[in-house]
N, C-alpha and C. Protein backbone atom coordinates (compact mmCIF):
# COMPACT_ATOMS: atom_id res chain seq x y z
N UNK A 1 24.96 33.63 -12.22
CA UNK A 1 24.87 32.20 -11.92
C UNK A 1 26.25 31.53 -11.92
N UNK A 2 27.11 31.97 -12.87
CA UNK A 2 28.44 31.36 -12.96
C UNK A 2 29.23 31.60 -11.68
N UNK A 3 29.17 32.86 -11.16
CA UNK A 3 29.90 33.17 -9.94
C UNK A 3 29.39 32.35 -8.77
N UNK A 4 28.06 32.21 -8.67
CA UNK A 4 27.49 31.41 -7.58
C UNK A 4 27.90 29.95 -7.71
N UNK A 5 27.97 29.45 -8.96
CA UNK A 5 28.39 28.07 -9.20
C UNK A 5 29.77 27.81 -8.62
N UNK A 6 30.70 28.75 -8.85
CA UNK A 6 32.06 28.56 -8.34
C UNK A 6 32.11 28.67 -6.83
N UNK A 7 31.25 29.52 -6.24
CA UNK A 7 31.19 29.61 -4.78
C UNK A 7 30.76 28.27 -4.19
N UNK A 8 29.74 27.66 -4.81
CA UNK A 8 29.27 26.35 -4.35
C UNK A 8 30.37 25.31 -4.52
N UNK A 9 31.02 25.32 -5.68
CA UNK A 9 32.09 24.37 -5.94
C UNK A 9 33.21 24.48 -4.91
N UNK A 10 33.59 25.71 -4.60
CA UNK A 10 34.70 25.92 -3.66
C UNK A 10 34.35 25.47 -2.25
N UNK A 11 33.07 25.37 -1.93
CA UNK A 11 32.66 24.93 -0.59
C UNK A 11 32.65 23.41 -0.46
N UNK A 12 32.86 22.72 -1.56
CA UNK A 12 32.86 21.25 -1.56
C UNK A 12 34.30 20.75 -1.67
N UNK A 13 34.79 20.20 -0.58
CA UNK A 13 36.11 19.58 -0.59
C UNK A 13 36.02 18.06 -0.65
N UNK A 14 34.88 17.54 -0.19
CA UNK A 14 34.69 16.08 -0.12
C UNK A 14 33.24 15.78 -0.48
N UNK A 15 33.06 15.16 -1.64
CA UNK A 15 31.74 14.82 -2.16
C UNK A 15 31.58 13.31 -2.22
N UNK A 16 30.43 12.83 -1.76
CA UNK A 16 30.12 11.40 -1.84
C UNK A 16 28.92 11.21 -2.76
N UNK A 17 29.03 10.26 -3.69
CA UNK A 17 27.91 9.85 -4.52
C UNK A 17 27.63 8.38 -4.25
N UNK A 18 26.44 8.10 -3.73
CA UNK A 18 26.08 6.72 -3.41
C UNK A 18 24.75 6.35 -4.06
N UNK A 19 24.38 5.10 -3.87
CA UNK A 19 23.13 4.58 -4.39
C UNK A 19 23.11 3.08 -4.13
N UNK A 20 21.98 2.48 -4.39
CA UNK A 20 21.85 1.04 -4.22
C UNK A 20 22.70 0.32 -5.27
N UNK A 21 22.82 -0.98 -5.16
CA UNK A 21 23.56 -1.77 -6.14
C UNK A 21 22.90 -1.62 -7.51
N UNK A 22 23.67 -1.19 -8.50
CA UNK A 22 23.14 -1.04 -9.85
C UNK A 22 22.56 0.33 -10.16
N UNK A 23 22.71 1.30 -9.25
CA UNK A 23 22.12 2.62 -9.47
C UNK A 23 22.95 3.48 -10.43
N UNK A 24 24.21 3.13 -10.64
CA UNK A 24 25.08 3.89 -11.52
C UNK A 24 25.97 4.89 -10.82
N UNK A 25 26.14 4.71 -9.51
CA UNK A 25 26.91 5.69 -8.73
C UNK A 25 28.38 5.76 -9.17
N UNK A 26 28.98 4.61 -9.45
CA UNK A 26 30.39 4.61 -9.85
C UNK A 26 30.57 5.23 -11.23
N UNK A 27 29.67 4.94 -12.14
CA UNK A 27 29.72 5.54 -13.48
C UNK A 27 29.62 7.05 -13.39
N UNK A 28 28.67 7.53 -12.59
CA UNK A 28 28.50 8.97 -12.41
C UNK A 28 29.73 9.59 -11.76
N UNK A 29 30.25 8.94 -10.74
CA UNK A 29 31.43 9.46 -10.05
C UNK A 29 32.62 9.56 -11.02
N UNK A 30 32.80 8.55 -11.85
CA UNK A 30 33.90 8.58 -12.83
C UNK A 30 33.74 9.74 -13.81
N UNK A 31 32.53 9.95 -14.31
CA UNK A 31 32.29 11.00 -15.28
C UNK A 31 32.57 12.39 -14.69
N UNK A 32 32.05 12.62 -13.48
CA UNK A 32 32.25 13.92 -12.84
C UNK A 32 33.72 14.14 -12.50
N UNK A 33 34.37 13.11 -11.97
CA UNK A 33 35.78 13.24 -11.58
C UNK A 33 36.65 13.54 -12.79
N UNK A 34 36.38 12.87 -13.90
CA UNK A 34 37.17 13.10 -15.11
C UNK A 34 36.98 14.51 -15.65
N UNK A 35 35.74 14.98 -15.61
CA UNK A 35 35.44 16.31 -16.15
C UNK A 35 35.99 17.42 -15.28
N UNK A 36 35.92 17.27 -13.97
CA UNK A 36 36.29 18.34 -13.05
C UNK A 36 37.66 18.12 -12.39
N UNK A 37 38.39 17.12 -12.86
CA UNK A 37 39.72 16.84 -12.34
C UNK A 37 39.70 16.59 -10.83
N UNK A 38 38.66 15.92 -10.36
CA UNK A 38 38.55 15.62 -8.94
C UNK A 38 39.36 14.37 -8.59
N UNK A 39 39.79 14.34 -7.36
CA UNK A 39 40.45 13.13 -6.88
C UNK A 39 39.38 12.07 -6.62
N UNK A 40 39.50 10.91 -7.23
CA UNK A 40 38.45 9.90 -7.20
C UNK A 40 38.82 8.73 -6.29
N UNK A 41 37.90 8.41 -5.38
CA UNK A 41 38.05 7.24 -4.51
C UNK A 41 36.95 6.25 -4.87
N UNK A 42 37.33 5.09 -5.36
CA UNK A 42 36.38 4.05 -5.72
C UNK A 42 36.52 2.87 -4.77
N UNK A 43 35.40 2.30 -4.42
CA UNK A 43 35.42 1.14 -3.53
C UNK A 43 36.00 -0.07 -4.24
N UNK A 44 36.91 -0.77 -3.58
CA UNK A 44 37.55 -1.95 -4.15
C UNK A 44 36.81 -3.22 -3.74
N UNK A 45 35.55 -3.31 -4.15
CA UNK A 45 34.74 -4.45 -3.70
C UNK A 45 35.19 -5.76 -4.32
N UNK A 46 35.83 -5.70 -5.49
CA UNK A 46 36.28 -6.93 -6.14
C UNK A 46 37.37 -7.64 -5.34
N UNK A 47 38.01 -6.90 -4.43
CA UNK A 47 39.10 -7.48 -3.64
C UNK A 47 38.60 -8.31 -2.46
N UNK A 48 37.28 -8.25 -2.19
CA UNK A 48 36.75 -8.99 -1.04
C UNK A 48 36.58 -10.46 -1.41
N UNK A 49 37.39 -11.35 -0.85
CA UNK A 49 37.36 -12.76 -1.25
C UNK A 49 36.07 -13.48 -0.83
N UNK A 50 35.32 -12.88 0.09
CA UNK A 50 34.11 -13.54 0.58
C UNK A 50 32.86 -13.15 -0.21
N UNK A 51 32.97 -12.13 -1.09
CA UNK A 51 31.77 -11.62 -1.75
C UNK A 51 31.06 -12.65 -2.64
N UNK A 52 31.76 -13.34 -3.55
CA UNK A 52 31.07 -14.35 -4.36
C UNK A 52 30.43 -15.45 -3.50
N UNK A 53 31.13 -15.84 -2.43
CA UNK A 53 30.59 -16.87 -1.54
C UNK A 53 29.36 -16.36 -0.81
N UNK A 54 29.39 -15.08 -0.42
CA UNK A 54 28.27 -14.49 0.30
C UNK A 54 26.99 -14.49 -0.54
N UNK A 55 27.10 -14.11 -1.82
CA UNK A 55 25.91 -14.05 -2.67
C UNK A 55 25.29 -15.43 -2.87
N UNK A 56 26.11 -16.47 -2.76
CA UNK A 56 25.58 -17.83 -2.91
C UNK A 56 25.09 -18.41 -1.58
N UNK A 57 25.80 -18.09 -0.49
CA UNK A 57 25.44 -18.61 0.83
C UNK A 57 25.50 -17.47 1.86
N UNK A 58 24.56 -16.55 1.83
CA UNK A 58 24.62 -15.38 2.71
C UNK A 58 24.63 -15.72 4.20
N UNK A 59 23.92 -16.72 4.59
CA UNK A 59 23.87 -17.08 6.00
C UNK A 59 25.25 -17.50 6.53
N UNK A 60 26.01 -18.14 5.68
CA UNK A 60 27.30 -18.68 6.09
C UNK A 60 28.42 -17.64 6.07
N UNK A 61 28.35 -16.72 5.12
CA UNK A 61 29.49 -15.82 4.90
C UNK A 61 29.19 -14.35 5.19
N UNK A 62 28.05 -14.04 5.75
CA UNK A 62 27.69 -12.63 5.94
C UNK A 62 28.64 -11.89 6.87
N UNK A 63 28.99 -12.49 8.00
CA UNK A 63 29.84 -11.78 8.95
C UNK A 63 31.24 -11.57 8.38
N UNK A 64 31.76 -12.59 7.70
CA UNK A 64 33.10 -12.46 7.10
C UNK A 64 33.14 -11.36 6.04
N UNK A 65 32.12 -11.33 5.19
CA UNK A 65 32.13 -10.35 4.11
C UNK A 65 31.98 -8.94 4.66
N UNK A 66 31.12 -8.74 5.65
CA UNK A 66 30.91 -7.40 6.19
C UNK A 66 32.12 -6.92 7.00
N UNK A 67 32.74 -7.81 7.73
CA UNK A 67 33.92 -7.42 8.51
C UNK A 67 35.09 -7.07 7.58
N UNK A 68 35.23 -7.81 6.49
CA UNK A 68 36.27 -7.50 5.52
C UNK A 68 36.03 -6.14 4.87
N UNK A 69 34.78 -5.86 4.51
CA UNK A 69 34.44 -4.56 3.93
C UNK A 69 34.72 -3.43 4.92
N UNK A 70 34.39 -3.66 6.18
CA UNK A 70 34.62 -2.63 7.20
C UNK A 70 36.09 -2.25 7.26
N UNK A 71 36.94 -3.25 7.33
CA UNK A 71 38.38 -3.00 7.43
C UNK A 71 38.92 -2.34 6.16
N UNK A 72 38.49 -2.83 4.99
CA UNK A 72 39.00 -2.30 3.73
C UNK A 72 38.53 -0.86 3.50
N UNK A 73 37.26 -0.58 3.80
CA UNK A 73 36.75 0.79 3.61
C UNK A 73 37.46 1.77 4.55
N UNK A 74 37.62 1.36 5.79
CA UNK A 74 38.29 2.25 6.75
C UNK A 74 39.72 2.54 6.32
N UNK A 75 40.47 1.51 5.97
CA UNK A 75 41.87 1.70 5.58
C UNK A 75 41.98 2.57 4.34
N UNK A 76 41.11 2.35 3.36
CA UNK A 76 41.17 3.13 2.14
C UNK A 76 40.83 4.60 2.38
N UNK A 77 39.73 4.86 3.09
CA UNK A 77 39.31 6.24 3.33
C UNK A 77 40.30 6.97 4.23
N UNK A 78 40.81 6.29 5.24
CA UNK A 78 41.77 6.92 6.16
C UNK A 78 43.00 7.37 5.39
N UNK A 79 43.47 6.53 4.50
CA UNK A 79 44.66 6.85 3.73
C UNK A 79 44.39 7.93 2.68
N UNK A 80 43.32 7.76 1.91
CA UNK A 80 43.03 8.67 0.81
C UNK A 80 42.64 10.07 1.30
N UNK A 81 41.83 10.15 2.34
CA UNK A 81 41.33 11.45 2.79
C UNK A 81 42.35 12.23 3.61
N UNK A 82 43.37 11.57 4.08
CA UNK A 82 44.39 12.26 4.86
C UNK A 82 45.47 12.88 3.96
N UNK A 83 45.49 12.49 2.69
CA UNK A 83 46.49 13.00 1.75
C UNK A 83 45.81 13.87 0.70
N UNK A 84 45.71 15.15 0.94
CA UNK A 84 45.05 16.09 0.03
C UNK A 84 45.97 16.41 -1.14
N UNK A 85 45.43 16.36 -2.36
CA UNK A 85 46.16 16.71 -3.56
C UNK A 85 45.87 18.18 -3.90
N UNK A 86 46.88 19.03 -3.84
CA UNK A 86 46.69 20.46 -4.06
C UNK A 86 46.35 20.79 -5.50
N UNK A 87 46.58 19.86 -6.42
CA UNK A 87 46.33 20.11 -7.83
C UNK A 87 44.95 19.63 -8.28
N UNK A 88 44.16 19.11 -7.34
CA UNK A 88 42.80 18.67 -7.66
C UNK A 88 41.82 19.41 -6.74
N UNK A 89 40.73 19.94 -7.31
CA UNK A 89 39.86 20.85 -6.55
C UNK A 89 39.10 20.21 -5.40
N UNK A 90 38.72 18.95 -5.53
CA UNK A 90 38.00 18.28 -4.45
C UNK A 90 38.13 16.77 -4.59
N UNK A 91 37.73 16.07 -3.55
CA UNK A 91 37.75 14.60 -3.54
C UNK A 91 36.34 14.07 -3.72
N UNK A 92 36.19 13.05 -4.56
CA UNK A 92 34.89 12.45 -4.84
C UNK A 92 34.98 10.95 -4.60
N UNK A 93 34.08 10.42 -3.78
CA UNK A 93 34.06 9.00 -3.48
C UNK A 93 32.73 8.39 -3.88
N UNK A 94 32.76 7.13 -4.31
CA UNK A 94 31.51 6.46 -4.69
C UNK A 94 30.93 5.64 -3.54
N UNK A 95 31.38 5.92 -2.33
CA UNK A 95 30.77 5.31 -1.14
C UNK A 95 31.14 6.13 0.09
N UNK A 96 30.32 5.99 1.12
CA UNK A 96 30.55 6.62 2.42
C UNK A 96 30.72 5.51 3.43
N UNK A 97 31.45 5.76 4.49
CA UNK A 97 31.77 4.70 5.44
C UNK A 97 30.53 4.08 6.09
N UNK A 98 29.46 4.87 6.24
CA UNK A 98 28.24 4.34 6.84
C UNK A 98 27.60 3.25 5.99
N UNK A 99 28.04 3.11 4.74
CA UNK A 99 27.57 2.01 3.91
C UNK A 99 27.81 0.68 4.61
N UNK A 100 28.91 0.60 5.35
CA UNK A 100 29.23 -0.64 6.07
C UNK A 100 28.11 -1.03 7.02
N UNK A 101 27.61 -0.05 7.76
CA UNK A 101 26.56 -0.33 8.75
C UNK A 101 25.23 -0.66 8.06
N UNK A 102 24.94 0.02 6.95
CA UNK A 102 23.70 -0.22 6.22
C UNK A 102 23.65 -1.64 5.69
N UNK A 103 24.72 -2.08 5.05
CA UNK A 103 24.74 -3.42 4.47
C UNK A 103 24.81 -4.49 5.56
N UNK A 104 25.53 -4.19 6.64
CA UNK A 104 25.60 -5.15 7.74
C UNK A 104 24.22 -5.35 8.36
N UNK A 105 23.45 -4.27 8.48
CA UNK A 105 22.11 -4.38 9.04
C UNK A 105 21.19 -5.24 8.20
N UNK A 106 21.49 -5.33 6.90
CA UNK A 106 20.65 -6.13 6.00
C UNK A 106 21.06 -7.59 5.95
N UNK A 107 22.25 -7.91 6.44
CA UNK A 107 22.76 -9.27 6.26
C UNK A 107 23.06 -10.03 7.56
N UNK A 108 23.39 -9.31 8.61
CA UNK A 108 23.85 -9.99 9.82
C UNK A 108 22.71 -10.36 10.76
N UNK A 109 22.92 -11.41 11.52
CA UNK A 109 22.00 -11.77 12.58
C UNK A 109 22.13 -10.74 13.71
N UNK A 110 21.14 -10.73 14.60
CA UNK A 110 21.07 -9.69 15.62
C UNK A 110 22.34 -9.62 16.47
N UNK A 111 22.82 -10.74 16.97
CA UNK A 111 23.99 -10.72 17.84
C UNK A 111 25.24 -10.33 17.07
N UNK A 112 25.35 -10.79 15.81
CA UNK A 112 26.49 -10.41 14.99
C UNK A 112 26.47 -8.91 14.70
N UNK A 113 25.28 -8.39 14.44
CA UNK A 113 25.16 -6.97 14.12
C UNK A 113 25.52 -6.10 15.32
N UNK A 114 25.14 -6.51 16.52
CA UNK A 114 25.47 -5.75 17.71
C UNK A 114 26.98 -5.66 17.91
N UNK A 115 27.68 -6.77 17.68
CA UNK A 115 29.14 -6.76 17.77
C UNK A 115 29.74 -5.90 16.68
N UNK A 116 29.21 -6.05 15.47
CA UNK A 116 29.69 -5.28 14.33
C UNK A 116 29.52 -3.78 14.58
N UNK A 117 28.39 -3.40 15.13
CA UNK A 117 28.11 -1.98 15.37
C UNK A 117 29.07 -1.39 16.39
N UNK A 118 29.45 -2.17 17.37
CA UNK A 118 30.42 -1.69 18.35
C UNK A 118 31.76 -1.38 17.68
N UNK A 119 32.18 -2.26 16.77
CA UNK A 119 33.42 -2.03 16.05
C UNK A 119 33.30 -0.80 15.15
N UNK A 120 32.16 -0.68 14.49
CA UNK A 120 31.92 0.47 13.61
C UNK A 120 31.99 1.77 14.39
N UNK A 121 31.32 1.83 15.53
CA UNK A 121 31.27 3.07 16.32
C UNK A 121 32.64 3.51 16.83
N UNK A 122 33.51 2.55 17.07
CA UNK A 122 34.84 2.86 17.57
C UNK A 122 35.63 3.68 16.54
N UNK A 123 35.45 3.35 15.26
CA UNK A 123 36.29 3.98 14.24
C UNK A 123 35.57 5.04 13.40
N UNK A 124 34.24 5.10 13.46
CA UNK A 124 33.49 6.00 12.58
C UNK A 124 33.88 7.46 12.73
N UNK A 125 33.97 7.94 13.97
CA UNK A 125 34.22 9.36 14.21
C UNK A 125 35.64 9.80 13.88
N UNK A 126 36.51 8.85 13.57
CA UNK A 126 37.88 9.22 13.20
C UNK A 126 37.99 9.59 11.72
N UNK A 127 36.90 9.42 10.95
CA UNK A 127 36.90 9.75 9.53
C UNK A 127 36.14 11.04 9.29
N UNK A 128 36.59 11.85 8.33
CA UNK A 128 35.87 13.11 8.04
C UNK A 128 34.53 12.85 7.39
N UNK A 129 33.58 13.77 7.58
CA UNK A 129 32.28 13.68 6.94
C UNK A 129 32.28 14.49 5.66
N UNK A 130 31.49 14.07 4.68
CA UNK A 130 31.48 14.80 3.40
C UNK A 130 30.81 16.16 3.52
N UNK A 131 31.21 17.08 2.66
CA UNK A 131 30.54 18.38 2.57
C UNK A 131 29.20 18.26 1.86
N UNK A 132 29.07 17.24 1.01
CA UNK A 132 27.81 16.98 0.31
C UNK A 132 27.70 15.49 0.04
N UNK A 133 26.54 14.93 0.34
CA UNK A 133 26.26 13.51 0.13
C UNK A 133 25.11 13.41 -0.87
N UNK A 134 25.35 12.74 -2.00
CA UNK A 134 24.34 12.58 -3.05
C UNK A 134 23.95 11.11 -3.16
N UNK A 135 22.65 10.85 -3.10
CA UNK A 135 22.14 9.48 -3.23
C UNK A 135 21.35 9.39 -4.53
N UNK A 136 21.80 8.52 -5.44
CA UNK A 136 21.12 8.29 -6.71
C UNK A 136 20.08 7.19 -6.51
N UNK A 137 18.80 7.55 -6.70
CA UNK A 137 17.72 6.60 -6.44
C UNK A 137 17.14 6.04 -7.73
N UNK A 138 17.00 4.73 -7.76
CA UNK A 138 16.30 4.02 -8.83
C UNK A 138 15.35 3.02 -8.20
N UNK A 139 14.25 2.69 -8.91
CA UNK A 139 13.36 1.66 -8.37
C UNK A 139 14.00 0.29 -8.50
N UNK A 140 13.46 -0.67 -7.80
CA UNK A 140 14.07 -2.00 -7.72
C UNK A 140 14.13 -2.67 -9.09
N UNK A 141 13.09 -2.50 -9.90
CA UNK A 141 13.07 -3.13 -11.22
C UNK A 141 14.23 -2.63 -12.09
N UNK A 142 14.49 -1.33 -12.06
CA UNK A 142 15.59 -0.77 -12.84
C UNK A 142 16.95 -1.22 -12.30
N UNK A 143 17.06 -1.36 -10.99
CA UNK A 143 18.30 -1.86 -10.41
C UNK A 143 18.60 -3.28 -10.90
N UNK A 144 17.59 -4.13 -10.87
CA UNK A 144 17.76 -5.51 -11.33
C UNK A 144 18.18 -5.54 -12.80
N UNK A 145 17.55 -4.69 -13.61
CA UNK A 145 17.89 -4.63 -15.03
C UNK A 145 19.34 -4.19 -15.23
N UNK A 146 19.79 -3.19 -14.49
CA UNK A 146 21.17 -2.72 -14.60
C UNK A 146 22.16 -3.77 -14.14
N UNK A 147 21.83 -4.49 -13.10
CA UNK A 147 22.71 -5.55 -12.59
C UNK A 147 22.86 -6.65 -13.64
N UNK A 148 21.78 -7.01 -14.30
CA UNK A 148 21.84 -8.02 -15.37
C UNK A 148 22.67 -7.54 -16.54
N UNK A 149 22.55 -6.26 -16.88
CA UNK A 149 23.29 -5.70 -18.02
C UNK A 149 24.80 -5.78 -17.82
N UNK A 150 25.26 -5.51 -16.60
CA UNK A 150 26.71 -5.50 -16.40
C UNK A 150 27.28 -6.90 -16.23
N UNK A 151 26.44 -7.88 -15.97
CA UNK A 151 26.82 -9.28 -16.10
C UNK A 151 27.91 -9.79 -15.19
N UNK A 152 27.95 -9.31 -13.96
CA UNK A 152 28.92 -9.86 -13.02
C UNK A 152 28.37 -11.16 -12.45
N UNK A 153 29.14 -12.23 -12.58
CA UNK A 153 28.65 -13.55 -12.17
C UNK A 153 28.23 -13.58 -10.70
N UNK A 154 29.03 -12.96 -9.85
CA UNK A 154 28.76 -13.06 -8.42
C UNK A 154 27.55 -12.22 -8.00
N UNK A 155 27.01 -11.37 -8.93
CA UNK A 155 25.82 -10.61 -8.62
C UNK A 155 24.54 -11.27 -9.13
N UNK A 156 24.67 -12.41 -9.78
CA UNK A 156 23.51 -13.05 -10.41
C UNK A 156 22.49 -13.55 -9.40
N UNK A 157 22.91 -13.72 -8.15
CA UNK A 157 22.00 -14.22 -7.13
C UNK A 157 21.37 -13.12 -6.28
N UNK A 158 21.63 -11.85 -6.61
CA UNK A 158 21.03 -10.74 -5.87
C UNK A 158 19.52 -10.71 -6.13
N UNK A 159 18.74 -10.63 -5.07
CA UNK A 159 17.29 -10.68 -5.19
C UNK A 159 16.67 -9.29 -5.02
N UNK A 160 15.48 -9.08 -5.55
CA UNK A 160 14.77 -7.82 -5.30
C UNK A 160 14.56 -7.55 -3.82
N UNK A 161 14.33 -8.60 -3.06
CA UNK A 161 14.10 -8.46 -1.62
C UNK A 161 15.35 -7.89 -0.93
N UNK A 162 16.52 -8.37 -1.34
CA UNK A 162 17.77 -7.89 -0.76
C UNK A 162 17.97 -6.41 -1.11
N UNK A 163 17.73 -6.04 -2.36
CA UNK A 163 17.87 -4.64 -2.77
C UNK A 163 16.90 -3.73 -2.02
N UNK A 164 15.70 -4.23 -1.77
CA UNK A 164 14.72 -3.44 -1.03
C UNK A 164 15.17 -3.23 0.41
N UNK A 165 15.77 -4.25 1.00
CA UNK A 165 16.29 -4.14 2.36
C UNK A 165 17.41 -3.10 2.43
N UNK A 166 18.30 -3.13 1.44
CA UNK A 166 19.38 -2.15 1.38
C UNK A 166 18.81 -0.74 1.23
N UNK A 167 17.83 -0.60 0.37
CA UNK A 167 17.20 0.71 0.16
C UNK A 167 16.60 1.25 1.46
N UNK A 168 15.91 0.41 2.18
CA UNK A 168 15.33 0.83 3.46
C UNK A 168 16.42 1.23 4.44
N UNK A 169 17.55 0.52 4.40
CA UNK A 169 18.67 0.87 5.28
C UNK A 169 19.20 2.26 5.00
N UNK A 170 19.32 2.60 3.72
CA UNK A 170 19.75 3.95 3.36
C UNK A 170 18.75 5.00 3.86
N UNK A 171 17.47 4.73 3.65
CA UNK A 171 16.44 5.70 4.06
C UNK A 171 16.47 5.93 5.58
N UNK A 172 16.71 4.87 6.34
CA UNK A 172 16.81 5.01 7.79
C UNK A 172 18.03 5.85 8.18
N UNK A 173 19.12 5.64 7.46
CA UNK A 173 20.33 6.44 7.72
C UNK A 173 20.06 7.91 7.46
N UNK A 174 19.34 8.22 6.38
CA UNK A 174 19.05 9.62 6.05
C UNK A 174 18.25 10.30 7.17
N UNK A 175 17.31 9.57 7.76
CA UNK A 175 16.49 10.14 8.82
C UNK A 175 17.30 10.48 10.07
N UNK A 176 18.37 9.74 10.29
CA UNK A 176 19.15 9.89 11.52
C UNK A 176 20.33 10.85 11.37
N UNK A 177 20.73 11.13 10.13
CA UNK A 177 21.91 11.97 9.90
C UNK A 177 21.49 13.42 9.65
N UNK A 178 21.79 14.30 10.60
CA UNK A 178 21.40 15.70 10.50
C UNK A 178 22.58 16.65 10.31
N UNK A 179 23.80 16.12 10.29
CA UNK A 179 24.98 16.98 10.28
C UNK A 179 25.48 17.31 8.88
N UNK A 180 25.03 16.59 7.86
CA UNK A 180 25.54 16.81 6.51
C UNK A 180 24.37 17.01 5.54
N UNK A 181 24.58 17.73 4.43
CA UNK A 181 23.54 17.84 3.41
C UNK A 181 23.42 16.52 2.64
N UNK A 182 22.22 15.98 2.61
CA UNK A 182 21.95 14.74 1.88
C UNK A 182 20.97 15.06 0.75
N UNK A 183 21.40 14.89 -0.48
CA UNK A 183 20.57 15.17 -1.65
C UNK A 183 20.18 13.84 -2.29
N UNK A 184 18.93 13.49 -2.16
CA UNK A 184 18.41 12.24 -2.71
C UNK A 184 17.75 12.56 -4.05
N UNK A 185 18.35 12.10 -5.15
CA UNK A 185 17.90 12.45 -6.49
C UNK A 185 17.26 11.24 -7.15
N UNK A 186 15.99 11.37 -7.50
CA UNK A 186 15.27 10.32 -8.20
C UNK A 186 15.65 10.40 -9.69
N UNK A 187 16.35 9.37 -10.19
CA UNK A 187 16.83 9.38 -11.58
C UNK A 187 16.10 8.35 -12.44
N UNK A 188 14.90 7.96 -12.04
CA UNK A 188 14.18 6.93 -12.79
C UNK A 188 13.85 7.36 -14.21
N UNK A 189 13.74 8.66 -14.45
CA UNK A 189 13.40 9.17 -15.78
C UNK A 189 14.62 9.70 -16.53
N UNK A 190 15.81 9.43 -16.02
CA UNK A 190 17.05 9.91 -16.64
C UNK A 190 17.90 8.75 -17.13
N UNK A 191 18.71 9.04 -18.14
CA UNK A 191 19.76 8.13 -18.57
C UNK A 191 21.04 8.94 -18.65
N UNK A 192 21.67 9.16 -17.50
CA UNK A 192 22.83 10.03 -17.45
C UNK A 192 24.09 9.37 -18.01
N UNK A 193 24.00 8.09 -18.36
CA UNK A 193 25.13 7.39 -18.96
C UNK A 193 25.17 7.65 -20.47
N UNK A 194 24.03 7.51 -21.14
CA UNK A 194 23.98 7.63 -22.60
C UNK A 194 23.49 8.99 -23.07
N UNK A 195 22.76 9.72 -22.25
CA UNK A 195 22.15 10.98 -22.66
C UNK A 195 22.89 12.15 -22.01
N UNK A 196 23.57 12.96 -22.82
CA UNK A 196 24.38 14.06 -22.29
C UNK A 196 23.52 15.11 -21.61
N UNK A 197 22.33 15.37 -22.14
CA UNK A 197 21.45 16.37 -21.53
C UNK A 197 21.03 15.93 -20.13
N UNK A 198 20.74 14.64 -19.97
CA UNK A 198 20.38 14.12 -18.65
C UNK A 198 21.56 14.25 -17.69
N UNK A 199 22.75 13.98 -18.20
CA UNK A 199 23.95 14.10 -17.36
C UNK A 199 24.17 15.54 -16.92
N UNK A 200 24.00 16.48 -17.84
CA UNK A 200 24.18 17.90 -17.51
C UNK A 200 23.15 18.35 -16.48
N UNK A 201 21.91 17.88 -16.62
CA UNK A 201 20.86 18.22 -15.65
C UNK A 201 21.21 17.70 -14.27
N UNK A 202 21.66 16.46 -14.21
CA UNK A 202 22.04 15.87 -12.93
C UNK A 202 23.21 16.60 -12.31
N UNK A 203 24.17 16.96 -13.13
CA UNK A 203 25.36 17.68 -12.65
C UNK A 203 24.98 19.06 -12.10
N UNK A 204 24.09 19.76 -12.79
CA UNK A 204 23.65 21.08 -12.30
C UNK A 204 22.92 20.95 -10.97
N UNK A 205 22.13 19.89 -10.85
CA UNK A 205 21.40 19.66 -9.60
C UNK A 205 22.35 19.48 -8.43
N UNK A 206 23.47 18.85 -8.69
CA UNK A 206 24.45 18.59 -7.63
C UNK A 206 25.25 19.83 -7.28
N UNK A 207 25.68 20.58 -8.29
CA UNK A 207 26.68 21.62 -8.07
C UNK A 207 26.16 23.05 -8.06
N UNK A 208 24.96 23.30 -8.55
CA UNK A 208 24.53 24.69 -8.67
C UNK A 208 23.60 25.15 -7.54
N UNK A 209 23.47 24.34 -6.51
CA UNK A 209 22.69 24.72 -5.33
C UNK A 209 23.51 24.44 -4.08
N UNK A 210 23.49 25.37 -3.16
CA UNK A 210 24.16 25.14 -1.87
C UNK A 210 23.12 24.57 -0.91
N UNK A 211 23.31 23.33 -0.52
CA UNK A 211 22.33 22.62 0.30
C UNK A 211 22.70 22.72 1.78
N UNK A 212 21.69 22.96 2.61
CA UNK A 212 21.87 22.97 4.06
C UNK A 212 21.90 21.53 4.58
N UNK A 213 22.42 21.31 5.78
CA UNK A 213 22.37 19.98 6.38
C UNK A 213 20.94 19.47 6.48
N UNK A 214 20.76 18.18 6.28
CA UNK A 214 19.44 17.57 6.28
C UNK A 214 19.15 16.92 4.93
N UNK A 215 17.93 16.42 4.78
CA UNK A 215 17.53 15.67 3.59
C UNK A 215 16.87 16.59 2.58
N UNK A 216 17.27 16.44 1.32
CA UNK A 216 16.67 17.18 0.21
C UNK A 216 16.31 16.16 -0.87
N UNK A 217 15.03 15.95 -1.11
CA UNK A 217 14.61 14.98 -2.14
C UNK A 217 14.26 15.72 -3.42
N UNK A 218 14.84 15.27 -4.53
CA UNK A 218 14.64 15.93 -5.82
C UNK A 218 14.24 14.88 -6.86
N UNK A 219 13.21 15.17 -7.61
CA UNK A 219 12.75 14.31 -8.70
C UNK A 219 13.05 15.02 -10.01
N UNK A 220 13.85 14.37 -10.88
CA UNK A 220 14.20 14.98 -12.15
C UNK A 220 13.45 14.31 -13.32
């Protein structure tokens, strides 16, 4: 098993861990990156000046916030993924570029979204795709609870309806993406932040199986 584990590890140069708002994707990415000395790419969402305004007045600021995210995500990933660190075994990111399209689909009006999608399509294929994409799934109630716990003021106006729309956007993306392995892990019964055994189980699920392209749903 140990030898197979390293074979799987060596096949992963670029790993993405995503999830809905409040799913714990960044916490998990930090833990794995620290343990395995991976190069970590974290989304700089706090730098978006339109985000607090968007959560209060989404109709007014949706296009500005999504366009800013598009530019910032592209610039960050283009720079980070083009500079490989030979002293770190793989790169781990807490978001994938398609997140831009998923969130835009949940917030923009039809004509704005059509324009946004044209811009997205122009630059999407210039970025590398991950060797493995992991989606951490939680139900809406748990997401809301986690969002309240971390206490970010600008997230206080996030509604269950908005989270459900984002979740549906991810699920639609999974159905359309056939080129990469997508592992959707239901973590509703886990506490990988406080419980080491849960964390180890989740880590084994990610790294000890070689997944083929397509969707793989796992309930832990």
